[in-house]
C-alpha atoms as a PDB file:
ATOM      1  CA  UNK A   1       0.018  -0.105  -0.120  1.00  0.00           C
ATOM      2  CA  UNK A   2       1.365   3.432  -1.013  1.00  0.00           C
ATOM      3  CA  UNK A   3       0.542   6.606   0.790  1.00  0.00           C
ATOM      4  CA  UNK A   4       0.808  10.129  -0.801  1.00  0.00           C
ATOM      5  CA  UNK A   5       0.099  13.351   1.245  1.00  0.00           C
ATOM      6  CA  UNK A   6      -0.937  11.180   4.328  1.00  0.00           C
ATOM      7  CA  UNK A   7      -3.625   8.998   2.659  1.00  0.00           C
ATOM      8  CA  UNK A   8      -3.489   5.703   1.162  1.00  0.00           C
ATOM      9  CA  UNK A   9      -3.669   5.501  -2.575  1.00  0.00           C
ATOM     10  CA  UNK A  10      -6.257   3.143  -4.158  1.00  0.00           C
ATOM     11  CA  UNK A  11      -4.763   0.879  -6.911  1.00  0.00           C
ATOM     12  CA  UNK A  12      -6.503   3.084  -9.560  1.00  0.00           C
ATOM     13  CA  UNK A  13      -4.919   6.097  -8.392  1.00  0.00           C
ATOM     14  CA  UNK A  14      -1.453   4.426  -8.381  1.00  0.00           C
ATOM     15  CA  UNK A  15      -2.058   3.265 -11.850  1.00  0.00           C
ATOM     16  CA  UNK A  16      -3.059   6.764 -12.850  1.00  0.00           C
ATOM     17  CA  UNK A  17       0.164   8.220 -11.595  1.00  0.00           C
ATOM     18  CA  UNK A  18       2.164   5.721 -13.477  1.00  0.00           C
ATOM     19  CA  UNK A  19       0.345   6.689 -16.728  1.00  0.00           C
ATOM     20  CA  UNK A  20       0.841  10.298 -16.071  1.00  0.00           C
ATOM     21  CA  UNK A  21       4.610   9.808 -15.481  1.00  0.00           C
ATOM     22  CA  UNK A  22       4.968   7.692 -18.642  1.00  0.00           C
ATOM     23  CA  UNK A  23       3.124  10.213 -20.808  1.00  0.00           C
ATOM     24  CA  UNK A  24       5.253  13.243 -19.699  1.00  0.00           C
ATOM     25  CA  UNK A  25       8.247  14.261 -21.719  1.00  0.00           C
ATOM     26  CA  UNK A  26       9.601  17.022 -19.535  1.00  0.00           C
ATOM     27  CA  UNK A  27       9.241  16.610 -15.778  1.00  0.00           C
ATOM     28  CA  UNK A  28      10.963  19.650 -14.297  1.00  0.00           C
ATOM     29  CA  UNK A  29       9.999  19.151 -10.658  1.00  0.00           C
ATOM     30  CA  UNK A  30       8.580  16.304  -8.480  1.00  0.00           C
ATOM     31  CA  UNK A  31       7.812  15.802  -4.869  1.00  0.00           C
ATOM     32  CA  UNK A  32      10.116  13.665  -2.845  1.00  0.00           C
ATOM     33  CA  UNK A  33       6.971  11.514  -1.764  1.00  0.00           C
ATOM     34  CA  UNK A  34       6.113  10.855  -5.451  1.00  0.00           C
ATOM     35  CA  UNK A  35       9.764  10.115  -6.354  1.00  0.00           C
ATOM     36  CA  UNK A  36       9.736   7.404  -3.479  1.00  0.00           C
ATOM     37  CA  UNK A  37       6.648   5.974  -4.990  1.00  0.00           C
ATOM     38  CA  UNK A  38       8.271   5.931  -8.477  1.00  0.00           C
ATOM     39  CA  UNK A  39      11.540   4.281  -6.846  1.00  0.00           C
ATOM     40  CA  UNK A  40       9.502   1.476  -5.200  1.00  0.00           C
ATOM     41  CA  UNK A  41       7.094   0.761  -7.813  1.00  0.00           C
ATOM     42  CA  UNK A  42       8.543   1.630 -11.362  1.00  0.00           C
ATOM     43  CA  UNK A  43      12.304   2.069 -11.099  1.00  0.00           C
ATOM     44  CA  UNK A  44      12.576   2.011 -14.777  1.00  0.00           C
ATOM     45  CA  UNK A  45      10.973   5.441 -14.873  1.00  0.00           C
ATOM     46  CA  UNK A  46      13.394   7.028 -12.687  1.00  0.00           C
ATOM     47  CA  UNK A  47      15.179   8.449 -15.721  1.00  0.00           C
ATOM     48  CA  UNK A  48      12.241  10.547 -16.637  1.00  0.00           C
ATOM     49  CA  UNK A  49      12.384  12.346 -13.465  1.00  0.00           C
ATOM     50  CA  UNK A  50      14.600  15.360 -12.816  1.00  0.00           C
ATOM     51  CA  UNK A  51      17.880  14.979 -10.787  1.00  0.00           C
ATOM     52  CA  UNK A  52      17.213  14.315  -7.140  1.00  0.00           C
ATOM     53  CA  UNK A  53      17.906  16.956  -4.579  1.00  0.00           C
ATOM     54  CA  UNK A  54      19.685  16.376  -1.591  1.00  0.00           C
ATOM     55  CA  UNK A  55      20.180  18.246   1.764  1.00  0.00           C
ATOM     56  CA  UNK A  56      23.601  20.119   2.245  1.00  0.00           C
ATOM     57  CA  UNK A  57      25.159  21.283   5.289  1.00  0.00           C
ATOM     58  CA  UNK A  58      23.456  24.666   5.647  1.00  0.00           C
ATOM     59  CA  UNK A  59      20.104  23.004   5.323  1.00  0.00           C
ATOM     60  CA  UNK A  60      19.530  24.095   1.637  1.00  0.00           C
ATOM     61  CA  UNK A  61      18.959  21.618  -1.152  1.00  0.00           C
ATOM     62  CA  UNK A  62      21.443  20.858  -3.924  1.00  0.00           C
ATOM     63  CA  UNK A  63      20.948  18.935  -7.068  1.00  0.00           C
ATOM     64  CA  UNK A  64      22.721  15.799  -7.429  1.00  0.00           C
ATOM     65  CA  UNK A  65      24.283  15.780 -10.832  1.00  0.00           C
ATOM     66  CA  UNK A  66      24.931  12.222 -11.816  1.00  0.00           C
ATOM     67  CA  UNK A  67      24.128  12.795 -15.575  1.00  0.00           C
ATOM     68  CA  UNK A  68      26.555  10.130 -16.658  1.00  0.00           C
ATOM     69  CA  UNK A  69      25.306   7.541 -14.384  1.00  0.00           C
ATOM     70  CA  UNK A  70      24.563   4.284 -16.391  1.00  0.00           C
ATOM     71  CA  UNK A  71      26.122   5.707 -19.567  1.00  0.00           C
ATOM     72  CA  UNK A  72      28.938   4.015 -21.343  1.00  0.00           C
ATOM     73  CA  UNK A  73      32.452   4.824 -19.996  1.00  0.00           C
ATOM     74  CA  UNK A  74      34.598   6.835 -22.375  1.00  0.00           C
ATOM     75  CA  UNK A  75      38.339   6.268 -22.543  1.00  0.00           C
ATOM     76  CA  UNK A  76      38.533   9.858 -20.943  1.00  0.00           C
ATOM     77  CA  UNK A  77      36.300   8.744 -18.114  1.00  0.00           C
ATOM     78  CA  UNK A  78      38.486   5.650 -17.533  1.00  0.00           C
ATOM     79  CA  UNK A  79      41.537   7.792 -17.543  1.00  0.00           C
ATOM     80  CA  UNK A  80      40.096  10.098 -15.138  1.00  0.00           C
ATOM     81  CA  UNK A  81      38.942   7.296 -12.838  1.00  0.00           C
ATOM     82  CA  UNK A  82      42.538   5.834 -13.086  1.00  0.00           C
ATOM     83  CA  UNK A  83      44.248   9.143 -12.384  1.00  0.00           C
ATOM     84  CA  UNK A  84      41.770   9.907  -9.356  1.00  0.00           C
ATOM     85  CA  UNK A  85      42.629   6.468  -7.871  1.00  0.00           C
ATOM     86  CA  UNK A  86      46.425   6.892  -8.353  1.00  0.00           C
ATOM     87  CA  UNK A  87      46.109  10.173  -6.629  1.00  0.00           C
ATOM     88  CA  UNK A  88      44.190   8.638  -3.690  1.00  0.00           C
ATOM     89  CA  UNK A  89      40.955  10.592  -4.172  1.00  0.00           C
ATOM     90  CA  UNK A  90      37.945   9.025  -2.569  1.00  0.00           C
ATOM     91  CA  UNK A  91      35.384   7.360  -4.779  1.00  0.00           C
ATOM     92  CA  UNK A  92      32.912   9.764  -3.811  1.00  0.00           C
ATOM     93  CA  UNK A  93      35.115  12.643  -5.077  1.00  0.00           C
ATOM     94  CA  UNK A  94      35.999  10.779  -8.271  1.00  0.00           C
ATOM     95  CA  UNK A  95      32.080  10.137  -8.766  1.00  0.00           C
ATOM     96  CA  UNK A  96      31.201  13.776  -8.265  1.00  0.00           C
ATOM     97  CA  UNK A  97      34.007  14.697 -10.888  1.00  0.00           C
ATOM     98  CA  UNK A  98      32.648  12.188 -13.367  1.00  0.00           C
ATOM     99  CA  UNK A  99      29.027  13.125 -12.733  1.00  0.00           C
ATOM    100  CA  UNK A 100      28.407   9.357 -11.913  1.00  0.00           C
ATOM    101  CA  UNK A 101      26.937   7.466  -8.923  1.00  0.00           C
ATOM    102  CA  UNK A 102      29.633   6.424  -6.390  1.00  0.00           C
ATOM    103  CA  UNK A 103      28.221   2.772  -6.278  1.00  0.00           C
ATOM    104  CA  UNK A 104      28.946   2.607 -10.369  1.00  0.00           C
ATOM    105  CA  UNK A 105      32.448   4.225  -9.857  1.00  0.00           C
ATOM    106  CA  UNK A 106      33.384   1.739  -7.194  1.00  0.00           C
ATOM    107  CA  UNK A 107      32.232  -1.216  -9.348  1.00  0.00           C
ATOM    108  CA  UNK A 108      34.159   0.099 -12.284  1.00  0.00           C
ATOM    109  CA  UNK A 109      37.204   0.637 -10.207  1.00  0.00           C
ATOM    110  CA  UNK A 110      36.986  -2.956  -8.825  1.00  0.00           C
ATOM    111  CA  UNK A 111      36.588  -4.167 -12.376  1.00  0.00           C
ATOM    112  CA  UNK A 112      39.706  -2.249 -13.574  1.00  0.00           C
ATOM    113  CA  UNK A 113      41.692  -3.753 -10.654  1.00  0.00           C
ATOM    114  CA  UNK A 114      40.487  -7.158 -11.664  1.00  0.00           C
ATOM    115  CA  UNK A 115      41.567  -6.781 -15.132  1.00  0.00           C
ATOM    116  CA  UNK A 116      44.871  -5.403 -14.076  1.00  0.00           C
ATOM    117  CA  UNK A 117      45.327  -8.541 -11.857  1.00  0.00           C
ATOM    118  CA  UNK A 118      44.603 -10.949 -14.748  1.00  0.00           C
ATOM    119  CA  UNK A 119      46.836  -9.053 -17.101  1.00  0.00           C
ATOM    120  CA  UNK A 120      49.699  -9.199 -14.419  1.00  0.00           C
ATOM    121  CA  UNK A 121      49.206 -13.059 -14.131  1.00  0.00           C
ATOM    122  CA  UNK A 122      49.598 -13.414 -17.959  1.00  0.00           C
ATOM    123  CA  UNK A 123      52.996 -11.959 -18.042  1.00  0.00           C
END
């Protein structure tokens, strides 16, 4: 059962919300409560939503700019990742620089380390 604005949603209302999101081409703002409903029920529609806003230290909100998340990694991205790791930057800092999700950056870093270990064994 999903709730919105303090009241339970009927299945028909939930279906209507899904249809509305699917039919929109340019969603510029969305309520956090509605975003949560989308995340739980239709994660494939998250790409239609505007970037999520997060609380920052002073209590204001900042847009999370993971615009490259789930995109193919370019040679430049891989070079920047390798450079950041070599310099000892945190995964979070590298992810912010690359405009990617930290989980995705950590996974790619592990993948590159694994490839490097395999290559070393072959020599």
